[in-house]
Protein backbone atom coordinates (compact mmCIF):
# COMPACT_ATOMS: atom_id res chain seq x y z
CA UNK A 1 -20.14 22.39 -0.96
CA UNK A 2 -17.62 25.16 -1.55
CA UNK A 3 -14.28 24.42 -3.18
CA UNK A 4 -12.49 25.30 0.08
CA UNK A 5 -14.42 22.73 2.12
CA UNK A 6 -12.64 19.44 2.73
CA UNK A 7 -14.97 16.43 2.70
CA UNK A 8 -15.06 14.17 5.74
CA UNK A 9 -14.67 11.06 3.55
CA UNK A 10 -11.95 9.67 1.29
CA UNK A 11 -12.04 7.89 -2.06
CA UNK A 12 -9.68 5.14 -0.95
CA UNK A 13 -10.40 2.56 1.73
CA UNK A 14 -7.98 2.13 4.60
CA UNK A 15 -6.73 -1.05 2.92
CA UNK A 16 -5.90 0.87 -0.26
CA UNK A 17 -4.21 3.67 1.70
CA UNK A 18 -2.05 1.16 3.61
CA UNK A 19 -1.10 -0.55 0.35
CA UNK A 20 -0.08 2.79 -1.18
CA UNK A 21 2.05 3.59 1.90
CA UNK A 22 3.82 0.23 1.60
CA UNK A 23 4.32 0.76 -2.13
CA UNK A 24 5.90 4.15 -1.53
CA UNK A 25 8.17 2.80 1.23
CA UNK A 26 8.55 -1.00 1.41
CA UNK A 27 10.36 -0.73 4.75
CA UNK A 28 7.81 1.54 6.42
CA UNK A 29 6.90 0.90 10.06
CA UNK A 30 3.31 0.16 11.02
CA UNK A 31 3.43 3.15 13.36
CA UNK A 32 4.25 5.45 10.44
CA UNK A 33 1.48 3.98 8.30
CA UNK A 34 -0.99 4.51 11.14
CA UNK A 35 0.02 8.15 11.40
CA UNK A 36 -0.28 8.77 7.65
CA UNK A 37 -3.61 6.99 7.25
CA UNK A 38 -5.10 8.30 10.51
CA UNK A 39 -5.91 4.95 12.11
CA UNK A 40 -4.46 2.98 15.00
CA UNK A 41 -1.35 0.84 14.74
CA UNK A 42 -3.48 -2.17 15.67
CA UNK A 43 -5.83 -1.45 12.74
CA UNK A 44 -2.84 -1.18 10.40
CA UNK A 45 -1.58 -4.55 11.64
CA UNK A 46 -4.96 -6.14 10.88
CA UNK A 47 -4.97 -4.59 7.40
CA UNK A 48 -1.40 -5.77 6.68
CA UNK A 49 -2.45 -9.30 7.72
CA UNK A 50 -5.51 -9.03 5.43
CA UNK A 51 -3.35 -7.85 2.52
CA UNK A 52 -0.88 -10.67 3.12
CA UNK A 53 -3.60 -13.31 3.41
CA UNK A 54 -5.14 -12.08 0.14
CA UNK A 55 -1.75 -12.31 -1.58
CA UNK A 56 -1.29 -8.59 -2.26
CA UNK A 57 1.89 -8.33 -0.20
CA UNK A 58 4.61 -10.57 1.15
CA UNK A 59 6.66 -9.77 4.22
CA UNK A 60 10.33 -10.45 4.71
CA UNK A 61 12.08 -9.92 8.01
CA UNK A 62 15.10 -7.58 7.75
CA UNK A 63 16.69 -7.47 11.20
CA UNK A 64 14.15 -5.89 13.51
CA UNK A 65 12.17 -4.46 10.59
CA UNK A 66 9.90 -5.84 7.90
CA UNK A 67 10.38 -5.36 4.19
CA UNK A 68 7.24 -5.68 2.10
CA UNK A 69 6.91 -6.66 -1.55
CA UNK A 70 3.85 -5.89 -3.62
CA UNK A 71 2.52 -8.77 -5.71
CA UNK A 72 1.25 -6.70 -8.62
CA UNK A 73 -0.39 -9.45 -10.66
CA UNK A 74 -3.05 -10.15 -8.04
CA UNK A 75 -6.49 -9.04 -9.29
CA UNK A 76 -8.14 -6.16 -7.47
CA UNK A 77 -10.79 -7.42 -5.05
CA UNK A 78 -13.54 -5.15 -6.30
CA UNK A 79 -16.49 -6.01 -8.53
CA UNK A 80 -15.98 -3.03 -10.84
CA UNK A 81 -12.23 -3.60 -11.29
CA UNK A 82 -12.67 -7.35 -11.61
CA UNK A 83 -15.08 -6.89 -14.51
CA UNK A 84 -12.33 -4.95 -16.28
CA UNK A 85 -9.63 -7.55 -15.52
CA UNK A 86 -7.49 -5.07 -13.59
CA UNK A 87 -4.79 -5.93 -11.07
CA UNK A 88 -3.29 -4.19 -8.07
CA UNK A 89 -0.18 -3.21 -10.04
CA UNK A 90 -2.23 -1.11 -12.44
CA UNK A 91 -3.92 0.68 -9.55
CA UNK A 92 -0.64 1.37 -7.75
CA UNK A 93 0.96 2.79 -10.90
CA UNK A 94 -1.65 5.53 -10.67
CA UNK A 95 -1.63 6.08 -6.91
CA UNK A 96 1.94 5.54 -5.79
CA UNK A 97 4.66 8.17 -5.87
CA UNK A 98 7.48 7.57 -8.29
CA UNK A 99 10.20 8.27 -5.73
CA UNK A 100 11.46 4.86 -4.59
CA UNK A 101 13.67 5.58 -1.60
CA UNK A 102 12.62 3.47 1.36
CA UNK A 103 13.05 4.10 5.06
CA UNK A 104 16.32 2.18 4.89
CA UNK A 105 17.65 5.01 2.73
CA UNK A 106 18.39 2.75 -0.22
CA UNK A 107 16.89 3.17 -3.62
CA UNK A 108 15.17 0.07 -4.88
CA UNK A 109 15.60 0.01 -8.64
CA UNK A 110 15.25 -3.73 -9.22
CA UNK A 111 12.05 -3.94 -7.18
CA UNK A 112 9.32 -2.00 -8.83
CA UNK A 113 6.62 -0.60 -6.54
CA UNK A 114 4.38 -3.00 -8.38
CA UNK A 115 6.80 -5.90 -8.75
CA UNK A 116 5.25 -9.33 -8.69
């Protein structure tokens, strides 16, 4: 494979990509996540429900929008990461952008992208 060729696969699962999108913008709309990840809005909804059921995120209603919080202490659901006692917060520190301005336009300084 030449260096200019882009592979047809990604390192991160859709679940991980959705989690990174939410970390970067806790007020992001499902429609915007779908566009960034390249999946349908319905698939994003299923993933958000999965992440919530597993305890990785919590959802709070803010008017007509949702505001998500990452629960960083939750262990990563992966056999390799679990063997190393790693949590989702450690992963997101590597993957998430450090700019913390959400879609609401406010900077969230007291809520870390990996706040528990």
